[in-house]
Amino acid sequence: MGDRLPPGLPEPFNQREVDILCLIKQWLTNQEIAHKLFLSVDTIKWYNQKIYAKLGVNRRTQALEKARELGLIEQPHSPPPSTVANLKHNLPARMNSFIGREKSWPLCAG
């Protein structure tokens, strides 16, 4: 699967960066993203910095806004209320595998 380059973005995202951006959109913490993708938290932080650099931003909220402006993602979900505990479950992550199909914009729908 090749890199993706939407209009207005100087450098393409690889699939791992797309996956992480989609999880950031869901307001997951670095630790939660690392757990979902079977990576270390340090690796997620490294990818975050690559994503921020490609978008020309410094923080998650800026990254989400810029990605939305570029049409990479739909409107980010609202941040979870701080009073509501995140419910954990033991279900496997949903897998979508569309081999041979190019992903259309936005990268993270829904």
C-alpha atoms as a PDB file:
ATOM      1  CA  MET A   1       0.000   0.000   0.000  1.00  0.00           C
ATOM      2  CA  GLY A   2       1.521   3.307  -1.036  1.00  0.00           C
ATOM      3  CA  ASP A   3       1.716   6.648   0.685  1.00  0.00           C
ATOM      4  CA  ARG A   4      -1.265   8.954   0.449  1.00  0.00           C
ATOM      5  CA  LEU A   5      -1.034  12.608  -0.503  1.00  0.00           C
ATOM      6  CA  PRO A   6      -4.172  14.739  -0.377  1.00  0.00           C
ATOM      7  CA  PRO A   7      -4.242  18.160  -2.011  1.00  0.00           C
ATOM      8  CA  GLY A   8      -2.446  20.793   0.076  1.00  0.00           C
ATOM      9  CA  LEU A   9      -0.232  18.354   1.994  1.00  0.00           C
ATOM     10  CA  PRO A  10       3.488  18.620   1.165  1.00  0.00           C
ATOM     11  CA  GLU A  11       4.401  15.140   2.387  1.00  0.00           C
ATOM     12  CA  PRO A  12       2.350  11.912   2.189  1.00  0.00           C
ATOM     13  CA  PHE A  13       1.160   9.873   5.155  1.00  0.00           C
ATOM     14  CA  ASN A  14       2.076   6.207   5.371  1.00  0.00           C
ATOM     15  CA  GLN A  15      -0.508   3.687   6.554  1.00  0.00           C
ATOM     16  CA  ARG A  16       0.728   3.661  10.180  1.00  0.00           C
ATOM     17  CA  GLU A  17       0.431   7.458  10.354  1.00  0.00           C
ATOM     18  CA  VAL A  18      -3.094   7.247   8.951  1.00  0.00           C
ATOM     19  CA  ASP A  19      -3.998   4.620  11.566  1.00  0.00           C
ATOM     20  CA  ILE A  20      -2.617   6.771  14.381  1.00  0.00           C
ATOM     21  CA  LEU A  21      -4.321   9.931  13.101  1.00  0.00           C
ATOM     22  CA  CYS A  22      -7.640   8.071  13.040  1.00  0.00           C
ATOM     23  CA  LEU A  23      -7.104   6.946  16.648  1.00  0.00           C
ATOM     24  CA  ILE A  24      -6.110  10.464  17.713  1.00  0.00           C
ATOM     25  CA  LYS A  25      -9.418  11.594  16.206  1.00  0.00           C
ATOM     26  CA  GLN A  26     -11.133   9.241  18.648  1.00  0.00           C
ATOM     27  CA  TRP A  27      -9.375  11.060  21.528  1.00  0.00           C
ATOM     28  CA  LEU A  28      -7.379   7.989  22.551  1.00  0.00           C
ATOM     29  CA  THR A  29      -4.299   8.548  24.682  1.00  0.00           C
ATOM     30  CA  ASN A  30      -0.836   7.559  23.487  1.00  0.00           C
ATOM     31  CA  GLN A  31      -1.003   4.569  25.810  1.00  0.00           C
ATOM     32  CA  GLU A  32      -4.376   3.470  24.404  1.00  0.00           C
ATOM     33  CA  ILE A  33      -3.126   3.866  20.841  1.00  0.00           C
ATOM     34  CA  ALA A  34       0.020   1.885  21.653  1.00  0.00           C
ATOM     35  CA  HIS A  35      -2.101  -0.890  23.143  1.00  0.00           C
ATOM     36  CA  LYS A  36      -4.423  -1.034  20.122  1.00  0.00           C
ATOM     37  CA  LEU A  37      -1.557  -1.117  17.614  1.00  0.00           C
ATOM     38  CA  PHE A  38       0.781  -3.337  19.670  1.00  0.00           C
ATOM     39  CA  LEU A  39       3.475  -0.653  19.745  1.00  0.00           C
ATOM     40  CA  SER A  40       5.365   1.089  22.522  1.00  0.00           C
ATOM     41  CA  VAL A  41       4.230   4.475  23.815  1.00  0.00           C
ATOM     42  CA  ASP A  42       7.585   5.923  22.694  1.00  0.00           C
ATOM     43  CA  THR A  43       6.911   4.690  19.153  1.00  0.00           C
ATOM     44  CA  ILE A  44       3.489   6.357  19.184  1.00  0.00           C
ATOM     45  CA  LYS A  45       5.084   9.603  20.379  1.00  0.00           C
ATOM     46  CA  TRP A  46       7.610   9.352  17.532  1.00  0.00           C
ATOM     47  CA  TYR A  47       4.827   8.866  14.978  1.00  0.00           C
ATOM     48  CA  ASN A  48       2.877  11.755  16.517  1.00  0.00           C
ATOM     49  CA  GLN A  49       5.868  14.036  15.939  1.00  0.00           C
ATOM     50  CA  LYS A  50       6.063  12.899  12.298  1.00  0.00           C
ATOM     51  CA  ILE A  51       2.340  13.567  11.854  1.00  0.00           C
ATOM     52  CA  TYR A  52       2.603  16.992  13.501  1.00  0.00           C
ATOM     53  CA  ALA A  53       5.588  17.898  11.301  1.00  0.00           C
ATOM     54  CA  LYS A  54       3.763  16.892   8.125  1.00  0.00           C
ATOM     55  CA  LEU A  55       0.751  18.968   9.165  1.00  0.00           C
ATOM     56  CA  GLY A  56       2.897  21.890  10.392  1.00  0.00           C
ATOM     57  CA  VAL A  57       1.474  21.835  13.923  1.00  0.00           C
ATOM     58  CA  ASN A  58       2.686  21.221  17.495  1.00  0.00           C
ATOM     59  CA  ARG A  59      -0.241  19.615  19.358  1.00  0.00           C
ATOM     60  CA  ARG A  60      -3.006  17.029  18.947  1.00  0.00           C
ATOM     61  CA  THR A  61      -5.806  19.564  18.831  1.00  0.00           C
ATOM     62  CA  GLN A  62      -3.975  21.523  16.133  1.00  0.00           C
ATOM     63  CA  ALA A  63      -3.315  18.288  14.206  1.00  0.00           C
ATOM     64  CA  LEU A  64      -7.001  17.387  14.273  1.00  0.00           C
ATOM     65  CA  GLU A  65      -8.039  20.848  13.120  1.00  0.00           C
ATOM     66  CA  LYS A  66      -5.462  20.934  10.311  1.00  0.00           C
ATOM     67  CA  ALA A  67      -6.354  17.391   9.195  1.00  0.00           C
ATOM     68  CA  ARG A  68     -10.020  18.410   9.110  1.00  0.00           C
ATOM     69  CA  GLU A  69      -9.205  21.551   7.100  1.00  0.00           C
ATOM     70  CA  LEU A  70      -7.269  19.452   4.571  1.00  0.00           C
ATOM     71  CA  GLY A  71     -10.121  16.970   4.303  1.00  0.00           C
ATOM     72  CA  LEU A  72      -8.082  14.125   5.794  1.00  0.00           C
ATOM     73  CA  ILE A  73     -10.659  13.449   8.485  1.00  0.00           C
ATOM     74  CA  GLU A  74     -14.250  14.375   9.117  1.00  0.00           C
ATOM     75  CA  GLN A  75     -15.126  16.592  12.054  1.00  0.00           C
ATOM     76  CA  PRO A  76     -13.359  15.108  15.084  1.00  0.00           C
ATOM     77  CA  HIS A  77     -15.513  13.469  17.705  1.00  0.00           C
ATOM     78  CA  SER A  78     -16.149  15.611  20.750  1.00  0.00           C
ATOM     79  CA  PRO A  79     -13.668  14.971  23.523  1.00  0.00           C
ATOM     80  CA  PRO A  80     -14.997  12.479  26.046  1.00  0.00           C
ATOM     81  CA  PRO A  81     -16.481  14.093  29.140  1.00  0.00           C
ATOM     82  CA  SER A  82     -13.949  14.048  31.972  1.00  0.00           C
ATOM     83  CA  THR A  83     -16.555  12.728  34.406  1.00  0.00           C
ATOM     84  CA  VAL A  84     -17.379   9.632  32.358  1.00  0.00           C
ATOM     85  CA  ALA A  85     -14.941   6.738  32.710  1.00  0.00           C
ATOM     86  CA  ASN A  86     -13.765   5.141  29.482  1.00  0.00           C
ATOM     87  CA  LEU A  87     -15.270   1.686  29.340  1.00  0.00           C
ATOM     88  CA  LYS A  88     -12.816  -1.112  28.546  1.00  0.00           C
ATOM     89  CA  HIS A  89     -13.684  -4.341  26.809  1.00  0.00           C
ATOM     90  CA  ASN A  90     -11.895  -7.435  25.645  1.00  0.00           C
ATOM     91  CA  LEU A  91     -13.245  -7.475  22.093  1.00  0.00           C
ATOM     92  CA  PRO A  92     -10.694  -7.470  19.278  1.00  0.00           C
ATOM     93  CA  ALA A  93     -10.293  -4.346  17.188  1.00  0.00           C
ATOM     94  CA  ARG A  94     -12.494  -4.214  14.116  1.00  0.00           C
ATOM     95  CA  MET A  95     -10.526  -5.148  11.034  1.00  0.00           C
ATOM     96  CA  ASN A  96     -11.248  -3.658   7.619  1.00  0.00           C
ATOM     97  CA  SER A  97      -9.198  -5.092   4.792  1.00  0.00           C
ATOM     98  CA  PHE A  98     -10.021  -3.889   1.328  1.00  0.00           C
ATOM     99  CA  ILE A  99      -7.140  -5.215  -0.703  1.00  0.00           C
ATOM    100  CA  GLY A 100      -6.614  -3.489  -4.007  1.00  0.00           C
ATOM    101  CA  ARG A 101      -8.815  -0.509  -3.221  1.00  0.00           C
ATOM    102  CA  GLU A 102      -7.494   2.981  -2.778  1.00  0.00           C
ATOM    103  CA  LYS A 103      -8.738   4.811   0.272  1.00  0.00           C
ATOM    104  CA  SER A 104     -10.678   7.939  -0.581  1.00  0.00           C
ATOM    105  CA  TRP A 105     -10.778  11.129   1.437  1.00  0.00           C
ATOM    106  CA  PRO A 106     -11.404  11.584   4.241  1.00  0.00           C
ATOM    107  CA  LEU A 107      -9.017   9.019   5.677  1.00  0.00           C
ATOM    108  CA  CYS A 108     -11.018   8.573   8.869  1.00  0.00           C
ATOM    109  CA  ALA A 109     -14.736   8.541   8.312  1.00  0.00           C
ATOM    110  CA  GLY A 110     -17.246   8.313  11.115  1.00  0.00           C
END
